[in-house]
PDB file of N, CA and C in Angstrom:
ATOM      1  N   VAL A   1       0.866  -0.903  -0.025  1.00  0.00           N
ATOM      2  CA  VAL A   1      -0.004  -0.011  -0.192  1.00  0.00           C
ATOM      3  C   VAL A   1       0.630   1.168   0.126  1.00  0.00           C
ATOM      4  N   TYR A   2       0.550   2.020  -0.799  1.00  0.00           N
ATOM      5  CA  TYR A   2       1.207   3.372  -0.950  1.00  0.00           C
ATOM      6  C   TYR A   2       0.251   4.523  -0.874  1.00  0.00           C
ATOM      7  N   ALA A   3       0.546   5.529   0.049  1.00  0.00           N
ATOM      8  CA  ALA A   3      -0.090   6.705   0.655  1.00  0.00           C
ATOM      9  C   ALA A   3       0.299   7.917  -0.352  1.00  0.00           C
ATOM     10  N   ALA A   4      -0.645   8.571  -0.961  1.00  0.00           N
ATOM     11  CA  ALA A   4      -0.341  10.079  -2.080  1.00  0.00           C
ATOM     12  C   ALA A   4      -0.908  10.905  -1.047  1.00  0.00           C
ATOM     13  N   PHE A   5      -0.712  12.400  -0.948  1.00  0.00           N
ATOM     14  CA  PHE A   5      -1.372  13.287  -0.468  1.00  0.00           C
ATOM     15  C   PHE A   5      -2.325  13.943  -1.667  1.00  0.00           C
ATOM     16  N   ASP A   6      -1.560  13.971  -2.823  1.00  0.00           N
ATOM     17  CA  ASP A   6      -2.342  14.544  -4.137  1.00  0.00           C
ATOM     18  C   ASP A   6      -1.992  13.925  -5.474  1.00  0.00           C
ATOM     19  N   VAL A   7      -2.636  14.275  -6.223  1.00  0.00           N
ATOM     20  CA  VAL A   7      -2.473  13.619  -7.708  1.00  0.00           C
ATOM     21  C   VAL A   7      -0.712  13.586  -8.265  1.00  0.00           C
ATOM     22  N   PRO A   8      -0.021  14.618  -8.084  1.00  0.00           N
ATOM     23  CA  PRO A   8       1.580  14.618  -8.279  1.00  0.00           C
ATOM     24  C   PRO A   8       2.387  13.600  -7.625  1.00  0.00           C
ATOM     25  N   SER A   9       1.839  13.226  -6.397  1.00  0.00           N
ATOM     26  CA  SER A   9       2.218  12.552  -5.479  1.00  0.00           C
ATOM     27  C   SER A   9       2.212  11.070  -5.926  1.00  0.00           C
ATOM     28  N   ALA A  10       0.833  10.975  -6.052  1.00  0.00           N
ATOM     29  CA  ALA A  10       0.439   9.613  -6.666  1.00  0.00           C
ATOM     30  C   ALA A  10       1.110   9.313  -7.914  1.00  0.00           C
ATOM     31  N   LEU A  11       1.242  10.013  -8.978  1.00  0.00           N
ATOM     32  CA  LEU A  11       1.788   9.841 -10.036  1.00  0.00           C
ATOM     33  C   LEU A  11       3.351   9.567  -9.993  1.00  0.00           C
ATOM     34  N   GLY A  12       4.045  10.126  -9.185  1.00  0.00           N
ATOM     35  CA  GLY A  12       5.256   9.748  -8.520  1.00  0.00           C
ATOM     36  C   GLY A  12       5.498   8.639  -8.392  1.00  0.00           C
ATOM     37  N   ILE A  13       4.681   8.203  -7.377  1.00  0.00           N
ATOM     38  CA  ILE A  13       4.798   6.873  -6.958  1.00  0.00           C
ATOM     39  C   ILE A  13       4.508   5.970  -7.979  1.00  0.00           C
ATOM     40  N   TYR A  14       3.377   6.149  -8.673  1.00  0.00           N
ATOM     41  CA  TYR A  14       3.313   5.018  -9.992  1.00  0.00           C
ATOM     42  C   TYR A  14       4.297   5.077 -10.936  1.00  0.00           C
ATOM     43  N   HIS A  15       5.134   6.237 -11.317  1.00  0.00           N
ATOM     44  CA  HIS A  15       6.172   5.973 -12.146  1.00  0.00           C
ATOM     45  C   HIS A  15       7.463   5.380 -11.508  1.00  0.00           C
ATOM     46  N   ARG A  16       7.650   5.721 -10.061  1.00  0.00           N
ATOM     47  CA  ARG A  16       8.632   5.014  -9.450  1.00  0.00           C
ATOM     48  C   ARG A  16       8.670   3.553  -9.324  1.00  0.00           C
ATOM     49  N   LEU A  17       7.489   2.913  -9.454  1.00  0.00           N
ATOM     50  CA  LEU A  17       7.066   1.792  -9.373  1.00  0.00           C
ATOM     51  C   LEU A  17       7.097   0.856 -10.661  1.00  0.00           C
ATOM     52  N   HIS A  18       7.169   2.007 -11.961  1.00  0.00           N
ATOM     53  CA  HIS A  18       7.054   1.289 -13.250  1.00  0.00           C
ATOM     54  C   HIS A  18       5.786   0.793 -13.469  1.00  0.00           C
ATOM     55  N   GLY A  19       4.717   1.373 -13.017  1.00  0.00           N
ATOM     56  CA  GLY A  19       3.437   0.934 -13.473  1.00  0.00           C
ATOM     57  C   GLY A  19       2.828  -0.185 -12.698  1.00  0.00           C
ATOM     58  N   GLU A  20       3.511  -0.820 -11.661  1.00  0.00           N
ATOM     59  CA  GLU A  20       3.198  -2.160 -10.979  1.00  0.00           C
ATOM     60  C   GLU A  20       2.515  -1.806  -9.872  1.00  0.00           C
ATOM     61  N   ILE A  21       1.370  -0.971 -10.261  1.00  0.00           N
ATOM     62  CA  ILE A  21       0.110  -1.092  -9.414  1.00  0.00           C
ATOM     63  C   ILE A  21      -0.911  -2.061  -9.991  1.00  0.00           C
ATOM     64  N   ASP A  22      -1.485  -2.684  -8.917  1.00  0.00           N
ATOM     65  CA  ASP A  22      -2.748  -3.333  -9.132  1.00  0.00           C
ATOM     66  C   ASP A  22      -4.026  -2.670  -9.175  1.00  0.00           C
ATOM     67  N   LEU A  23      -4.357  -1.824  -8.068  1.00  0.00           N
ATOM     68  CA  LEU A  23      -5.198  -1.038  -7.576  1.00  0.00           C
ATOM     69  C   LEU A  23      -5.145   0.478  -7.190  1.00  0.00           C
ATOM     70  N   LEU A  24      -5.995   1.164  -8.006  1.00  0.00           N
ATOM     71  CA  LEU A  24      -6.114   2.749  -7.458  1.00  0.00           C
ATOM     72  C   LEU A  24      -7.365   2.700  -6.721  1.00  0.00           C
ATOM     73  N   LEU A  25      -6.940   3.354  -5.440  1.00  0.00           N
ATOM     74  CA  LEU A  25      -8.030   3.432  -4.700  1.00  0.00           C
ATOM     75  C   LEU A  25      -7.870   5.109  -3.950  1.00  0.00           C
ATOM     76  N   THR A  26      -8.864   6.032  -4.545  1.00  0.00           N
ATOM     77  CA  THR A  26      -8.645   7.125  -4.614  1.00  0.00           C
ATOM     78  C   THR A  26      -9.994   7.861  -4.272  1.00  0.00           C
ATOM     79  N   ASP A  27      -9.907   9.255  -3.208  1.00  0.00           N
ATOM     80  CA  ASP A  27     -10.863   9.920  -3.239  1.00  0.00           C
ATOM     81  C   ASP A  27     -11.288  10.875  -4.328  1.00  0.00           C
ATOM     82  N   VAL A  28     -12.493  11.109  -4.937  1.00  0.00           N
ATOM     83  CA  VAL A  28     -12.632  11.911  -6.108  1.00  0.00           C
ATOM     84  C   VAL A  28     -12.094  13.262  -5.607  1.00  0.00           C
ATOM     85  N   VAL A  29     -12.511  13.733  -4.404  1.00  0.00           N
ATOM     86  CA  VAL A  29     -12.009  15.255  -4.088  1.00  0.00           C
ATOM     87  C   VAL A  29     -10.493  15.156  -3.499  1.00  0.00           C
ATOM     88  N   MET A  30      -9.645  15.765  -4.162  1.00  0.00           N
ATOM     89  CA  MET A  30      -8.293  15.723  -3.598  1.00  0.00           C
ATOM     90  C   MET A  30      -7.837  17.237  -3.885  1.00  0.00           C
ATOM     91  N   PRO A  31      -6.692  17.714  -2.912  1.00  0.00           N
ATOM     92  CA  PRO A  31      -6.403  18.723  -3.296  1.00  0.00           C
ATOM     93  C   PRO A  31      -5.860  18.874  -4.620  1.00  0.00           C
ATOM     94  N   GLY A  32      -5.740  20.128  -5.198  1.00  0.00           N
ATOM     95  CA  GLY A  32      -5.441  20.478  -6.586  1.00  0.00           C
ATOM     96  C   GLY A  32      -6.207  19.728  -7.591  1.00  0.00           C
ATOM     97  N   ARG A  33      -5.793  18.778  -8.342  1.00  0.00           N
ATOM     98  CA  ARG A  33      -6.463  17.932  -9.183  1.00  0.00           C
ATOM     99  C   ARG A  33      -7.097  16.917  -8.657  1.00  0.00           C
ATOM    100  N   SER A  34      -8.156  16.380  -9.299  1.00  0.00           N
ATOM    101  CA  SER A  34      -9.093  15.732  -8.824  1.00  0.00           C
ATOM    102  C   SER A  34      -8.779  14.058  -8.755  1.00  0.00           C
ATOM    103  N   GLY A  35      -9.265  13.157  -8.012  1.00  0.00           N
ATOM    104  CA  GLY A  35      -8.991  11.926  -7.925  1.00  0.00           C
ATOM    105  C   GLY A  35      -9.589  11.396  -9.668  1.00  0.00           C
ATOM    106  N   LEU A  36     -10.757  12.025 -10.181  1.00  0.00           N
ATOM    107  CA  LEU A  36     -11.182  11.452 -11.535  1.00  0.00           C
ATOM    108  C   LEU A  36      -9.799  11.762 -12.431  1.00  0.00           C
ATOM    109  N   GLU A  37      -9.073  13.045 -12.398  1.00  0.00           N
ATOM    110  CA  GLU A  37      -8.203  13.225 -13.294  1.00  0.00           C
ATOM    111  C   GLU A  37      -6.969  12.262 -13.274  1.00  0.00           C
ATOM    112  N   LEU A  38      -6.758  12.118 -11.650  1.00  0.00           N
ATOM    113  CA  LEU A  38      -5.663  10.911 -11.620  1.00  0.00           C
ATOM    114  C   LEU A  38      -6.073   9.483 -12.326  1.00  0.00           C
ATOM    115  N   MET A  39      -7.007   9.106 -12.005  1.00  0.00           N
ATOM    116  CA  MET A  39      -7.416   8.074 -12.611  1.00  0.00           C
ATOM    117  C   MET A  39      -7.830   8.171 -14.217  1.00  0.00           C
ATOM    118  N   ASP A  40      -8.174   9.052 -14.539  1.00  0.00           N
ATOM    119  CA  ASP A  40      -8.292   9.089 -16.229  1.00  0.00           C
ATOM    120  C   ASP A  40      -6.594   9.056 -16.679  1.00  0.00           C
ATOM    121  N   GLU A  41      -5.877   9.802 -16.011  1.00  0.00           N
ATOM    122  CA  GLU A  41      -4.101   9.589 -16.319  1.00  0.00           C
ATOM    123  C   GLU A  41      -3.564   8.191 -16.556  1.00  0.00           C
ATOM    124  N   LEU A  42      -3.890   7.666 -15.422  1.00  0.00           N
ATOM    125  CA  LEU A  42      -3.438   6.552 -15.246  1.00  0.00           C
ATOM    126  C   LEU A  42      -3.873   5.237 -15.878  1.00  0.00           C
ATOM    127  N   LEU A  43      -5.500   5.323 -16.037  1.00  0.00           N
ATOM    128  CA  LEU A  43      -6.075   4.387 -17.398  1.00  0.00           C
ATOM    129  C   LEU A  43      -5.759   4.662 -18.486  1.00  0.00           C
ATOM    130  N   ALA A  44      -5.174   5.689 -19.094  1.00  0.00           N
ATOM    131  CA  ALA A  44      -4.544   6.107 -20.192  1.00  0.00           C
ATOM    132  C   ALA A  44      -3.474   5.210 -20.324  1.00  0.00           C
ATOM    133  N   LYS A  45      -2.349   5.124 -19.445  1.00  0.00           N
ATOM    134  CA  LYS A  45      -1.295   4.497 -19.282  1.00  0.00           C
ATOM    135  C   LYS A  45      -1.562   2.430 -19.307  1.00  0.00           C
ATOM    136  N   ASP A  46      -2.522   2.517 -18.513  1.00  0.00           N
ATOM    137  CA  ASP A  46      -2.608   1.169 -18.228  1.00  0.00           C
ATOM    138  C   ASP A  46      -4.260   0.931 -18.257  1.00  0.00           C
ATOM    139  N   SER A  47      -4.853   0.666 -19.062  1.00  0.00           N
ATOM    140  CA  SER A  47      -6.269   0.141 -19.149  1.00  0.00           C
ATOM    141  C   SER A  47      -6.538  -0.770 -18.213  1.00  0.00           C
ATOM    142  N   SER A  48      -5.786  -1.579 -18.054  1.00  0.00           N
ATOM    143  CA  SER A  48      -6.203  -2.818 -17.003  1.00  0.00           C
ATOM    144  C   SER A  48      -6.275  -2.665 -15.492  1.00  0.00           C
ATOM    145  N   LEU A  49      -5.731  -1.264 -15.192  1.00  0.00           N
ATOM    146  CA  LEU A  49      -5.706  -0.980 -13.822  1.00  0.00           C
ATOM    147  C   LEU A  49      -7.153  -0.922 -13.062  1.00  0.00           C
ATOM    148  N   SER A  50      -7.150  -1.613 -12.202  1.00  0.00           N
ATOM    149  CA  SER A  50      -8.569  -1.569 -11.291  1.00  0.00           C
ATOM    150  C   SER A  50      -8.614  -0.391 -10.756  1.00  0.00           C
ATOM    151  N   VAL A  51      -9.674   0.144 -10.564  1.00  0.00           N
ATOM    152  CA  VAL A  51      -9.792   1.580  -9.767  1.00  0.00           C
ATOM    153  C   VAL A  51     -11.165   1.403  -9.054  1.00  0.00           C
ATOM    154  N   LEU A  52     -11.215   1.967  -7.797  1.00  0.00           N
ATOM    155  CA  LEU A  52     -12.227   2.126  -6.543  1.00  0.00           C
ATOM    156  C   LEU A  52     -12.027   3.785  -6.205  1.00  0.00           C
ATOM    157  N   LEU A  53     -13.241   4.306  -6.413  1.00  0.00           N
ATOM    158  CA  LEU A  53     -13.390   5.927  -6.222  1.00  0.00           C
ATOM    159  C   LEU A  53     -13.879   5.931  -4.993  1.00  0.00           C
ATOM    160  N   VAL A  54     -13.831   6.748  -4.001  1.00  0.00           N
ATOM    161  CA  VAL A  54     -14.562   6.822  -2.751  1.00  0.00           C
ATOM    162  C   VAL A  54     -15.025   8.265  -2.778  1.00  0.00           C
ATOM    163  N   SER A  55     -16.074   8.588  -2.212  1.00  0.00           N
ATOM    164  CA  SER A  55     -16.633   9.992  -2.341  1.00  0.00           C
ATOM    165  C   SER A  55     -17.777  10.030  -1.630  1.00  0.00           C
ATOM    166  N   GLY A  56     -17.670  11.277  -1.009  1.00  0.00           N
ATOM    167  CA  GLY A  56     -19.250  11.648  -0.100  1.00  0.00           C
ATOM    168  C   GLY A  56     -19.988  12.145  -1.118  1.00  0.00           C
ATOM    169  N   TYR A  57     -19.609  12.500  -2.293  1.00  0.00           N
ATOM    170  CA  TYR A  57     -20.444  13.254  -3.234  1.00  0.00           C
ATOM    171  C   TYR A  57     -20.660  12.347  -4.432  1.00  0.00           C
ATOM    172  N   SER A  58     -21.156  11.065  -4.018  1.00  0.00           N
ATOM    173  CA  SER A  58     -21.084  10.054  -5.285  1.00  0.00           C
ATOM    174  C   SER A  58     -22.240  10.300  -6.413  1.00  0.00           C
ATOM    175  N   ASP A  59     -23.363  10.925  -5.746  1.00  0.00           N
ATOM    176  CA  ASP A  59     -24.300  11.516  -6.877  1.00  0.00           C
ATOM    177  C   ASP A  59     -23.906  12.683  -7.634  1.00  0.00           C
ATOM    178  N   GLU A  60     -22.954  13.665  -7.262  1.00  0.00           N
ATOM    179  CA  GLU A  60     -22.366  14.459  -8.044  1.00  0.00           C
ATOM    180  C   GLU A  60     -21.501  13.830  -8.947  1.00  0.00           C
ATOM    181  N   VAL A  61     -20.558  12.798  -8.659  1.00  0.00           N
ATOM    182  CA  VAL A  61     -19.778  12.249  -9.614  1.00  0.00           C
ATOM    183  C   VAL A  61     -20.234  11.420 -10.738  1.00  0.00           C
ATOM    184  N   VAL A  62     -21.295  10.789 -10.363  1.00  0.00           N
ATOM    185  CA  VAL A  62     -22.064  10.043 -11.351  1.00  0.00           C
ATOM    186  C   VAL A  62     -22.842  11.197 -12.346  1.00  0.00           C
ATOM    187  N   HIS A  63     -22.965  12.211 -11.986  1.00  0.00           N
ATOM    188  CA  HIS A  63     -23.822  13.565 -13.054  1.00  0.00           C
ATOM    189  C   HIS A  63     -22.834  13.793 -13.579  1.00  0.00           C
ATOM    190  N   ARG A  64     -21.759  14.556 -13.284  1.00  0.00           N
ATOM    191  CA  ARG A  64     -20.689  14.902 -13.784  1.00  0.00           C
ATOM    192  C   ARG A  64     -19.996  14.216 -14.909  1.00  0.00           C
ATOM    193  N   ARG A  65     -20.044  12.895 -15.178  1.00  0.00           N
ATOM    194  CA  ARG A  65     -19.886  11.981 -16.043  1.00  0.00           C
ATOM    195  C   ARG A  65     -20.929  11.069 -16.504  1.00  0.00           C
ATOM    196  N   GLU A  66     -21.223  10.836 -17.912  1.00  0.00           N
ATOM    197  CA  GLU A  66     -22.366   9.999 -18.401  1.00  0.00           C
ATOM    198  C   GLU A  66     -22.005   8.723 -17.879  1.00  0.00           C
ATOM    199  N   SER A  67     -20.840   8.164 -17.942  1.00  0.00           N
ATOM    200  CA  SER A  67     -20.577   7.004 -16.891  1.00  0.00           C
ATOM    201  C   SER A  67     -19.167   6.934 -16.796  1.00  0.00           C
ATOM    202  N   LEU A  68     -18.791   5.813 -15.595  1.00  0.00           N
ATOM    203  CA  LEU A  68     -17.374   5.645 -15.597  1.00  0.00           C
ATOM    204  C   LEU A  68     -16.814   4.530 -16.378  1.00  0.00           C
ATOM    205  N   PRO A  69     -15.744   4.594 -16.538  1.00  0.00           N
ATOM    206  CA  PRO A  69     -14.992   3.559 -17.371  1.00  0.00           C
ATOM    207  C   PRO A  69     -15.116   2.271 -16.936  1.00  0.00           C
ATOM    208  N   ALA A  70     -14.994   1.106 -17.715  1.00  0.00           N
ATOM    209  CA  ALA A  70     -15.543  -0.297 -17.484  1.00  0.00           C
ATOM    210  C   ALA A  70     -14.519  -0.466 -16.430  1.00  0.00           C
ATOM    211  N   GLY A  71     -15.007  -1.278 -15.398  1.00  0.00           N
ATOM    212  CA  GLY A  71     -13.967  -1.880 -14.302  1.00  0.00           C
ATOM    213  C   GLY A  71     -13.961  -0.788 -13.064  1.00  0.00           C
ATOM    214  N   VAL A  72     -14.558   0.243 -13.321  1.00  0.00           N
ATOM    215  CA  VAL A  72     -14.205   1.270 -12.246  1.00  0.00           C
ATOM    216  C   VAL A  72     -15.439   1.220 -11.239  1.00  0.00           C
ATOM    217  N   ARG A  73     -15.216   1.344 -10.031  1.00  0.00           N
ATOM    218  CA  ARG A  73     -16.252   0.841  -9.169  1.00  0.00           C
ATOM    219  C   ARG A  73     -16.291   2.316  -8.136  1.00  0.00           C
ATOM    220  N   LEU A  74     -17.300   2.825  -7.621  1.00  0.00           N
ATOM    221  CA  LEU A  74     -17.534   4.043  -6.863  1.00  0.00           C
ATOM    222  C   LEU A  74     -17.958   3.580  -5.548  1.00  0.00           C
ATOM    223  N   LEU A  75     -17.723   3.666  -4.535  1.00  0.00           N
ATOM    224  CA  LEU A  75     -18.070   3.365  -3.096  1.00  0.00           C
ATOM    225  C   LEU A  75     -18.438   5.056  -2.270  1.00  0.00           C
ATOM    226  N   ALA A  76     -19.432   5.000  -1.750  1.00  0.00           N
ATOM    227  CA  ALA A  76     -19.863   6.107  -1.230  1.00  0.00           C
ATOM    228  C   ALA A  76     -19.480   6.276   0.075  1.00  0.00           C
ATOM    229  N   LYS A  77     -18.983   7.459   0.634  1.00  0.00           N
ATOM    230  CA  LYS A  77     -18.899   7.676   2.017  1.00  0.00           C
ATOM    231  C   LYS A  77     -20.129   8.025   2.914  1.00  0.00           C
ATOM    232  N   PRO A  78     -20.220   7.506   3.874  1.00  0.00           N
ATOM    233  CA  PRO A  78     -19.211   6.804   4.772  1.00  0.00           C
ATOM    234  C   PRO A  78     -19.633   5.258   4.195  1.00  0.00           C
ATOM    235  N   TYR A  79     -18.386   4.691   4.573  1.00  0.00           N
ATOM    236  CA  TYR A  79     -18.669   2.968   4.336  1.00  0.00           C
ATOM    237  C   TYR A  79     -18.162   2.347   5.295  1.00  0.00           C
ATOM    238  N   LEU A  80     -18.456   0.870   5.752  1.00  0.00           N
ATOM    239  CA  LEU A  80     -17.994   0.138   6.691  1.00  0.00           C
ATOM    240  C   LEU A  80     -16.790  -0.751   5.837  1.00  0.00           C
ATOM    241  N   PRO A  81     -16.156  -1.178   6.772  1.00  0.00           N
ATOM    242  CA  PRO A  81     -14.870  -1.686   6.335  1.00  0.00           C
ATOM    243  C   PRO A  81     -15.138  -3.076   5.775  1.00  0.00           C
ATOM    244  N   GLU A  82     -16.232  -3.753   6.037  1.00  0.00           N
ATOM    245  CA  GLU A  82     -16.533  -5.020   5.128  1.00  0.00           C
ATOM    246  C   GLU A  82     -17.001  -4.189   3.643  1.00  0.00           C
ATOM    247  N   GLN A  83     -17.710  -3.020   3.519  1.00  0.00           N
ATOM    248  CA  GLN A  83     -18.071  -2.836   2.180  1.00  0.00           C
ATOM    249  C   GLN A  83     -16.774  -2.573   1.484  1.00  0.00           C
ATOM    250  N   LEU A  84     -15.644  -2.016   2.026  1.00  0.00           N
ATOM    251  CA  LEU A  84     -14.278  -1.651   1.312  1.00  0.00           C
ATOM    252  C   LEU A  84     -13.851  -3.184   1.208  1.00  0.00           C
ATOM    253  N   LEU A  85     -14.032  -4.074   1.833  1.00  0.00           N
ATOM    254  CA  LEU A  85     -13.616  -5.220   1.403  1.00  0.00           C
ATOM    255  C   LEU A  85     -14.244  -5.962   0.138  1.00  0.00           C
ATOM    256  N   GLU A  86     -15.243  -5.877   0.128  1.00  0.00           N
ATOM    257  CA  GLU A  86     -16.199  -6.091  -0.818  1.00  0.00           C
ATOM    258  C   GLU A  86     -15.935  -5.599  -2.436  1.00  0.00           C
TER     259      GLU A  86
END
């Protein structure tokens, strides 16, 4: 597990690990650029990357986009640990 405070930090981790990331777990709302922008950039590099978006504004996320890319899941906050594991 690698933690990043913002999109540039997350991209730095991704590049340092040469793309060896299996799952991106990101909040939609982040300082600076959004988690959606991070997701888009990483999926452009690796379309097989699994993505789990978390947000307290899940309705807004769905309305801002017609749909999420295939394989991308959205988990609404607050959530239980069991829901995250699922």
